[in-house]
């Protein structure tokens, strides 16, 4: 399969300023229009929730390095 060189992306300070202004504008519009948020719950989202397993998922079993590579310690 042919591959091309990765595209270099440069983020300038103007890009960051424009993004922050747009984000602040959106937040101020949301605060001005409380009727827009009707029907939505006031549940706070924990950013670390995406690292937690879902309720139906089995918990991940953490094994030691020796267990992963199949080395058995004999006592």
PDB file of N, CA and C in Angstrom:
ATOM      1  N   UNK A   1       0.832  -1.159   0.000  1.00  0.00           N
ATOM      2  CA  UNK A   1       0.000   0.000   0.000  1.00  0.00           C
ATOM      3  C   UNK A   1       0.894   1.245   0.000  1.00  0.00           C
ATOM      4  N   UNK A   2       0.544   2.195  -0.812  1.00  0.00           N
ATOM      5  CA  UNK A   2       1.316   3.421  -0.882  1.00  0.00           C
ATOM      6  C   UNK A   2       0.924   4.360   0.247  1.00  0.00           C
ATOM      7  N   UNK A   3       1.912   5.030   0.772  1.00  0.00           N
ATOM      8  CA  UNK A   3       1.652   5.995   1.836  1.00  0.00           C
ATOM      9  C   UNK A   3       2.185   7.345   1.410  1.00  0.00           C
ATOM     10  N   UNK A   4       1.527   8.371   1.873  1.00  0.00           N
ATOM     11  CA  UNK A   4       2.012   9.712   1.576  1.00  0.00           C
ATOM     12  C   UNK A   4       2.581  10.319   2.848  1.00  0.00           C
ATOM     13  N   UNK A   5       3.327  11.366   2.690  1.00  0.00           N
ATOM     14  CA  UNK A   5       3.914  12.038   3.838  1.00  0.00           C
ATOM     15  C   UNK A   5       2.801  12.662   4.684  1.00  0.00           C
ATOM     16  N   UNK A   6       2.975  12.679   6.008  1.00  0.00           N
ATOM     17  CA  UNK A   6       1.946  13.295   6.853  1.00  0.00           C
ATOM     18  C   UNK A   6       1.816  14.790   6.584  1.00  0.00           C
ATOM     19  N   UNK A   7       0.617  15.274   6.726  1.00  0.00           N
ATOM     20  CA  UNK A   7       0.357  16.691   6.513  1.00  0.00           C
ATOM     21  C   UNK A   7       0.721  17.466   7.774  1.00  0.00           C
ATOM     22  N   UNK A   8       1.517  18.479   7.629  1.00  0.00           N
ATOM     23  CA  UNK A   8       1.896  19.310   8.768  1.00  0.00           C
ATOM     24  C   UNK A   8       0.808  20.343   9.013  1.00  0.00           C
ATOM     25  N   UNK A   9       0.391  20.457  10.258  1.00  0.00           N
ATOM     26  CA  UNK A   9      -0.636  21.415  10.640  1.00  0.00           C
ATOM     27  C   UNK A   9      -0.014  22.396  11.619  1.00  0.00           C
ATOM     28  N   UNK A  10      -0.197  23.650  11.361  1.00  0.00           N
ATOM     29  CA  UNK A  10       0.330  24.686  12.247  1.00  0.00           C
ATOM     30  C   UNK A  10      -0.840  25.472  12.831  1.00  0.00           C
ATOM     31  N   UNK A  11      -0.900  25.553  14.149  1.00  0.00           N
ATOM     32  CA  UNK A  11      -1.929  26.318  14.831  1.00  0.00           C
ATOM     33  C   UNK A  11      -1.294  27.632  15.278  1.00  0.00           C
ATOM     34  N   UNK A  12      -1.873  28.704  14.811  1.00  0.00           N
ATOM     35  CA  UNK A  12      -1.328  30.019  15.145  1.00  0.00           C
ATOM     36  C   UNK A  12      -2.080  30.626  16.323  1.00  0.00           C
ATOM     37  N   UNK A  13      -1.528  31.683  16.868  1.00  0.00           N
ATOM     38  CA  UNK A  13      -2.194  32.360  17.984  1.00  0.00           C
ATOM     39  C   UNK A  13      -3.519  32.974  17.534  1.00  0.00           C
ATOM     40  N   UNK A  14      -3.600  33.379  16.261  1.00  0.00           N
ATOM     41  CA  UNK A  14      -4.866  33.903  15.740  1.00  0.00           C
ATOM     42  C   UNK A  14      -5.933  32.819  15.706  1.00  0.00           C
ATOM     43  N   UNK A  15      -5.543  31.578  15.368  1.00  0.00           N
ATOM     44  CA  UNK A  15      -6.491  30.462  15.374  1.00  0.00           C
ATOM     45  C   UNK A  15      -7.027  30.215  16.778  1.00  0.00           C
ATOM     46  N   UNK A  16      -6.149  30.257  17.753  1.00  0.00           N
ATOM     47  CA  UNK A  16      -6.555  30.024  19.138  1.00  0.00           C
ATOM     48  C   UNK A  16      -7.476  31.136  19.613  1.00  0.00           C
ATOM     49  N   UNK A  17      -7.153  32.375  19.278  1.00  0.00           N
ATOM     50  CA  UNK A  17      -7.985  33.509  19.666  1.00  0.00           C
ATOM     51  C   UNK A  17      -9.371  33.404  19.046  1.00  0.00           C
ATOM     52  N   UNK A  18      -9.443  33.056  17.782  1.00  0.00           N
ATOM     53  CA  UNK A  18     -10.726  32.914  17.099  1.00  0.00           C
ATOM     54  C   UNK A  18     -11.550  31.791  17.726  1.00  0.00           C
ATOM     55  N   UNK A  19     -10.901  30.683  18.066  1.00  0.00           N
ATOM     56  CA  UNK A  19     -11.603  29.566  18.684  1.00  0.00           C
ATOM     57  C   UNK A  19     -12.160  29.961  20.052  1.00  0.00           C
ATOM     58  N   UNK A  20     -11.337  30.630  20.870  1.00  0.00           N
ATOM     59  CA  UNK A  20     -11.782  31.035  22.200  1.00  0.00           C
ATOM     60  C   UNK A  20     -12.924  32.042  22.129  1.00  0.00           C
ATOM     61  N   UNK A  21     -12.860  32.979  21.178  1.00  0.00           N
ATOM     62  CA  UNK A  21     -13.944  33.941  21.023  1.00  0.00           C
ATOM     63  C   UNK A  21     -15.240  33.261  20.607  1.00  0.00           C
ATOM     64  N   UNK A  22     -15.157  32.297  19.704  1.00  0.00           N
ATOM     65  CA  UNK A  22     -16.349  31.565  19.276  1.00  0.00           C
ATOM     66  C   UNK A  22     -16.935  30.762  20.432  1.00  0.00           C
ATOM     67  N   UNK A  23     -16.067  30.168  21.241  1.00  0.00           N
ATOM     68  CA  UNK A  23     -16.535  29.380  22.381  1.00  0.00           C
ATOM     69  C   UNK A  23     -17.211  30.283  23.411  1.00  0.00           C
ATOM     70  N   UNK A  24     -16.624  31.445  23.700  1.00  0.00           N
ATOM     71  CA  UNK A  24     -17.229  32.384  24.647  1.00  0.00           C
ATOM     72  C   UNK A  24     -18.559  32.917  24.119  1.00  0.00           C
ATOM     73  N   UNK A  25     -18.629  33.179  22.816  1.00  0.00           N
ATOM     74  CA  UNK A  25     -19.878  33.640  22.212  1.00  0.00           C
ATOM     75  C   UNK A  25     -20.967  32.585  22.359  1.00  0.00           C
ATOM     76  N   UNK A  26     -20.613  31.340  22.132  1.00  0.00           N
ATOM     77  CA  UNK A  26     -21.587  30.261  22.250  1.00  0.00           C
ATOM     78  C   UNK A  26     -22.056  30.117  23.694  1.00  0.00           C
ATOM     79  N   UNK A  27     -21.133  30.198  24.648  1.00  0.00           N
ATOM     80  CA  UNK A  27     -21.511  30.100  26.057  1.00  0.00           C
ATOM     81  C   UNK A  27     -22.405  31.255  26.478  1.00  0.00           C
ATOM     82  N   UNK A  28     -22.114  32.458  26.016  1.00  0.00           N
ATOM     83  CA  UNK A  28     -22.945  33.604  26.389  1.00  0.00           C
ATOM     84  C   UNK A  28     -24.335  33.480  25.777  1.00  0.00           C
ATOM     85  N   UNK A  29     -24.441  32.954  24.566  1.00  0.00           N
ATOM     86  CA  UNK A  29     -25.751  32.748  23.949  1.00  0.00           C
ATOM     87  C   UNK A  29     -26.552  31.704  24.708  1.00  0.00           C
ATOM     88  N   UNK A  30     -25.889  30.655  25.180  1.00  0.00           N
ATOM     89  CA  UNK A  30     -26.585  29.626  25.951  1.00  0.00           C
ATOM     90  C   UNK A  30     -27.082  30.179  27.278  1.00  0.00           C
ATOM     91  N   UNK A  31     -26.315  31.073  27.887  1.00  0.00           N
ATOM     92  CA  UNK A  31     -26.721  31.661  29.160  1.00  0.00           C
ATOM     93  C   UNK A  31     -27.841  32.678  28.977  1.00  0.00           C
ATOM     94  N   UNK A  32     -27.908  33.328  27.820  1.00  0.00           N
ATOM     95  CA  UNK A  32     -28.970  34.298  27.553  1.00  0.00           C
ATOM     96  C   UNK A  32     -30.298  33.612  27.287  1.00  0.00           C
ATOM     97  N   UNK A  33     -30.272  32.406  26.744  1.00  0.00           N
ATOM     98  CA  UNK A  33     -31.486  31.702  26.351  1.00  0.00           C
ATOM     99  C   UNK A  33     -31.721  30.494  27.250  1.00  0.00           C
ATOM    100  N   UNK A  34     -32.249  30.694  28.468  1.00  0.00           N
ATOM    101  CA  UNK A  34     -32.468  29.537  29.352  1.00  0.00           C
ATOM    102  C   UNK A  34     -33.592  28.629  28.865  1.00  0.00           C
ATOM    103  N   UNK A  35     -34.526  29.160  28.050  1.00  0.00           N
ATOM    104  CA  UNK A  35     -35.598  28.309  27.539  1.00  0.00           C
ATOM    105  C   UNK A  35     -35.056  27.281  26.552  1.00  0.00           C
ATOM    106  N   UNK A  36     -33.891  27.561  25.989  1.00  0.00           N
ATOM    107  CA  UNK A  36     -33.269  26.618  25.060  1.00  0.00           C
ATOM    108  C   UNK A  36     -32.843  25.345  25.776  1.00  0.00           C
ATOM    109  N   UNK A  37     -32.542  25.446  27.059  1.00  0.00           N
ATOM    110  CA  UNK A  37     -32.053  24.294  27.802  1.00  0.00           C
ATOM    111  C   UNK A  37     -33.169  23.505  28.464  1.00  0.00           C
ATOM    112  N   UNK A  38     -34.437  23.860  28.205  1.00  0.00           N
ATOM    113  CA  UNK A  38     -35.540  23.096  28.786  1.00  0.00           C
ATOM    114  C   UNK A  38     -35.502  21.675  28.263  1.00  0.00           C
ATOM    115  N   UNK A  39     -35.811  20.742  29.143  1.00  0.00           N
ATOM    116  CA  UNK A  39     -35.820  19.345  28.746  1.00  0.00           C
ATOM    117  C   UNK A  39     -34.480  18.672  28.895  1.00  0.00           C
ATOM    118  N   UNK A  40     -33.441  19.440  29.116  1.00  0.00           N
ATOM    119  CA  UNK A  40     -32.137  18.840  29.331  1.00  0.00           C
ATOM    120  C   UNK A  40     -31.914  18.733  30.827  1.00  0.00           C
ATOM    121  N   UNK A  41     -31.254  17.687  31.224  1.00  0.00           N
ATOM    122  CA  UNK A  41     -30.992  17.484  32.644  1.00  0.00           C
ATOM    123  C   UNK A  41     -29.770  18.273  33.068  1.00  0.00           C
ATOM    124  N   UNK A  42     -29.689  18.564  34.335  1.00  0.00           N
ATOM    125  CA  UNK A  42     -28.557  19.304  34.875  1.00  0.00           C
ATOM    126  C   UNK A  42     -27.514  18.343  35.422  1.00  0.00           C
ATOM    127  N   UNK A  43     -27.200  17.333  34.662  1.00  0.00           N
ATOM    128  CA  UNK A  43     -26.222  16.334  35.071  1.00  0.00           C
ATOM    129  C   UNK A  43     -24.836  16.842  34.712  1.00  0.00           C
ATOM    130  N   UNK A  44     -23.956  16.844  35.702  1.00  0.00           N
ATOM    131  CA  UNK A  44     -22.585  17.254  35.442  1.00  0.00           C
ATOM    132  C   UNK A  44     -21.826  16.071  34.862  1.00  0.00           C
ATOM    133  N   UNK A  45     -21.032  16.337  33.853  1.00  0.00           N
ATOM    134  CA  UNK A  45     -20.285  15.289  33.177  1.00  0.00           C
ATOM    135  C   UNK A  45     -18.877  15.235  33.749  1.00  0.00           C
ATOM    136  N   UNK A  46     -18.485  14.053  34.188  1.00  0.00           N
ATOM    137  CA  UNK A  46     -17.138  13.850  34.697  1.00  0.00           C
ATOM    138  C   UNK A  46     -16.251  13.447  33.528  1.00  0.00           C
ATOM    139  N   UNK A  47     -15.166  14.189  33.239  1.00  0.00           N
ATOM    140  CA  UNK A  47     -14.325  13.850  32.093  1.00  0.00           C
ATOM    141  C   UNK A  47     -13.675  12.485  32.196  1.00  0.00           C
ATOM    142  N   UNK A  48     -13.514  11.963  33.398  1.00  0.00           N
ATOM    143  CA  UNK A  48     -12.881  10.657  33.537  1.00  0.00           C
ATOM    144  C   UNK A  48     -13.875   9.517  33.332  1.00  0.00           C
ATOM    145  N   UNK A  49     -15.158   9.840  33.084  1.00  0.00           N
ATOM    146  CA  UNK A  49     -16.155   8.792  32.863  1.00  0.00           C
ATOM    147  C   UNK A  49     -15.848   7.951  31.635  1.00  0.00           C
ATOM    148  N   UNK A  50     -15.214   8.539  30.639  1.00  0.00           N
ATOM    149  CA  UNK A  50     -14.946   7.758  29.438  1.00  0.00           C
ATOM    150  C   UNK A  50     -13.876   6.707  29.683  1.00  0.00           C
ATOM    151  N   UNK A  51     -13.155   6.796  30.783  1.00  0.00           N
ATOM    152  CA  UNK A  51     -12.159   5.791  31.105  1.00  0.00           C
ATOM    153  C   UNK A  51     -12.752   4.640  31.905  1.00  0.00           C
ATOM    154  N   UNK A  52     -13.939   4.844  32.459  1.00  0.00           N
ATOM    155  CA  UNK A  52     -14.578   3.820  33.282  1.00  0.00           C
ATOM    156  C   UNK A  52     -15.316   2.826  32.388  1.00  0.00           C
ATOM    157  N   UNK A  53     -15.360   1.546  32.780  1.00  0.00           N
ATOM    158  CA  UNK A  53     -16.101   0.577  31.965  1.00  0.00           C
ATOM    159  C   UNK A  53     -17.598   0.825  32.075  1.00  0.00           C
ATOM    160  N   UNK A  54     -18.321   0.483  31.030  1.00  0.00           N
ATOM    161  CA  UNK A  54     -19.770   0.606  31.049  1.00  0.00           C
ATOM    162  C   UNK A  54     -20.350  -0.433  31.998  1.00  0.00           C
ATOM    163  N   UNK A  55     -21.560  -0.213  32.510  1.00  0.00           N
ATOM    164  CA  UNK A  55     -22.128  -1.146  33.480  1.00  0.00           C
ATOM    165  C   UNK A  55     -22.220  -2.588  32.969  1.00  0.00           C
ATOM    166  N   UNK A  56     -22.466  -2.781  31.683  1.00  0.00           N
ATOM    167  CA  UNK A  56     -22.587  -4.127  31.141  1.00  0.00           C
ATOM    168  C   UNK A  56     -21.255  -4.782  30.827  1.00  0.00           C
ATOM    169  N   UNK A  57     -20.201  -4.002  30.781  1.00  0.00           N
ATOM    170  CA  UNK A  57     -18.883  -4.532  30.445  1.00  0.00           C
ATOM    171  C   UNK A  57     -18.259  -5.216  31.644  1.00  0.00           C
ATOM    172  N   UNK A  58     -17.488  -6.242  31.369  1.00  0.00           N
ATOM    173  CA  UNK A  58     -16.752  -6.897  32.441  1.00  0.00           C
ATOM    174  C   UNK A  58     -15.577  -6.016  32.836  1.00  0.00           C
ATOM    175  N   UNK A  59     -15.264  -6.009  34.108  1.00  0.00           N
ATOM    176  CA  UNK A  59     -14.120  -5.227  34.572  1.00  0.00           C
ATOM    177  C   UNK A  59     -12.852  -5.838  33.993  1.00  0.00           C
ATOM    178  N   UNK A  60     -11.925  -5.011  33.637  1.00  0.00           N
ATOM    179  CA  UNK A  60     -10.665  -5.477  33.053  1.00  0.00           C
ATOM    180  C   UNK A  60      -9.821  -6.128  34.129  1.00  0.00           C
ATOM    181  N   UNK A  61      -9.344  -7.298  33.842  1.00  0.00           N
ATOM    182  CA  UNK A  61      -8.508  -8.021  34.789  1.00  0.00           C
ATOM    183  C   UNK A  61      -7.070  -7.583  34.560  1.00  0.00           C
ATOM    184  N   UNK A  62      -6.472  -7.039  35.609  1.00  0.00           N
ATOM    185  CA  UNK A  62      -5.097  -6.567  35.507  1.00  0.00           C
ATOM    186  C   UNK A  62      -4.167  -7.695  35.906  1.00  0.00           C
ATOM    187  N   UNK A  63      -3.278  -8.046  35.001  1.00  0.00           N
ATOM    188  CA  UNK A  63      -2.333  -9.127  35.261  1.00  0.00           C
ATOM    189  C   UNK A  63      -0.927  -8.582  35.328  1.00  0.00           C
ATOM    190  N   UNK A  64      -0.093  -9.307  36.007  1.00  0.00           N
ATOM    191  CA  UNK A  64       1.307  -8.906  36.085  1.00  0.00           C
ATOM    192  C   UNK A  64       1.998  -9.239  34.766  1.00  0.00           C
ATOM    193  N   UNK A  65       3.178  -8.721  34.593  1.00  0.00           N
ATOM    194  CA  UNK A  65       3.939  -8.972  33.373  1.00  0.00           C
ATOM    195  C   UNK A  65       4.191 -10.458  33.195  1.00  0.00           C
ATOM    196  N   UNK A  66       4.556 -11.139  34.285  1.00  0.00           N
ATOM    197  CA  UNK A  66       4.844 -12.569  34.208  1.00  0.00           C
ATOM    198  C   UNK A  66       3.609 -13.366  33.802  1.00  0.00           C
ATOM    199  N   UNK A  67       2.442 -12.966  34.306  1.00  0.00           N
ATOM    200  CA  UNK A  67       1.216 -13.662  33.929  1.00  0.00           C
ATOM    201  C   UNK A  67       0.887 -13.436  32.458  1.00  0.00           C
ATOM    202  N   UNK A  68       1.162 -12.244  31.958  1.00  0.00           N
ATOM    203  CA  UNK A  68       0.866 -11.950  30.552  1.00  0.00           C
ATOM    204  C   UNK A  68       1.739 -12.754  29.609  1.00  0.00           C
ATOM    205  N   UNK A  69       3.013 -12.951  29.953  1.00  0.00           N
ATOM    206  CA  UNK A  69       3.904 -13.683  29.042  1.00  0.00           C
ATOM    207  C   UNK A  69       3.942 -15.170  29.350  1.00  0.00           C
ATOM    208  N   UNK A  70       3.227 -15.607  30.372  1.00  0.00           N
ATOM    209  CA  UNK A  70       3.106 -17.030  30.649  1.00  0.00           C
ATOM    210  C   UNK A  70       4.197 -17.626  31.524  1.00  0.00           C
ATOM    211  N   UNK A  71       4.887 -16.827  32.274  1.00  0.00           N
ATOM    212  CA  UNK A  71       5.922 -17.321  33.154  1.00  0.00           C
ATOM    213  C   UNK A  71       5.289 -17.711  34.495  1.00  0.00           C
ATOM    214  N   UNK A  72       5.575 -18.912  34.932  1.00  0.00           N
ATOM    215  CA  UNK A  72       5.008 -19.377  36.196  1.00  0.00           C
ATOM    216  C   UNK A  72       6.140 -19.397  37.223  1.00  0.00           C
ATOM    217  N   UNK A  73       5.899 -18.739  38.347  1.00  0.00           N
ATOM    218  CA  UNK A  73       6.901 -18.743  39.415  1.00  0.00           C
ATOM    219  C   UNK A  73       6.668 -19.974  40.283  1.00  0.00           C
ATOM    220  N   UNK A  74       7.718 -20.703  40.510  1.00  0.00           N
ATOM    221  CA  UNK A  74       7.619 -21.895  41.373  1.00  0.00           C
ATOM    222  C   UNK A  74       8.279 -21.586  42.693  1.00  0.00           C
ATOM    223  N   UNK A  75       7.542 -21.787  43.732  1.00  0.00           N
ATOM    224  CA  UNK A  75       7.980 -21.381  45.034  1.00  0.00           C
ATOM    225  C   UNK A  75       8.827 -22.315  45.748  1.00  0.00           C
TER     226      UNK A  75
END
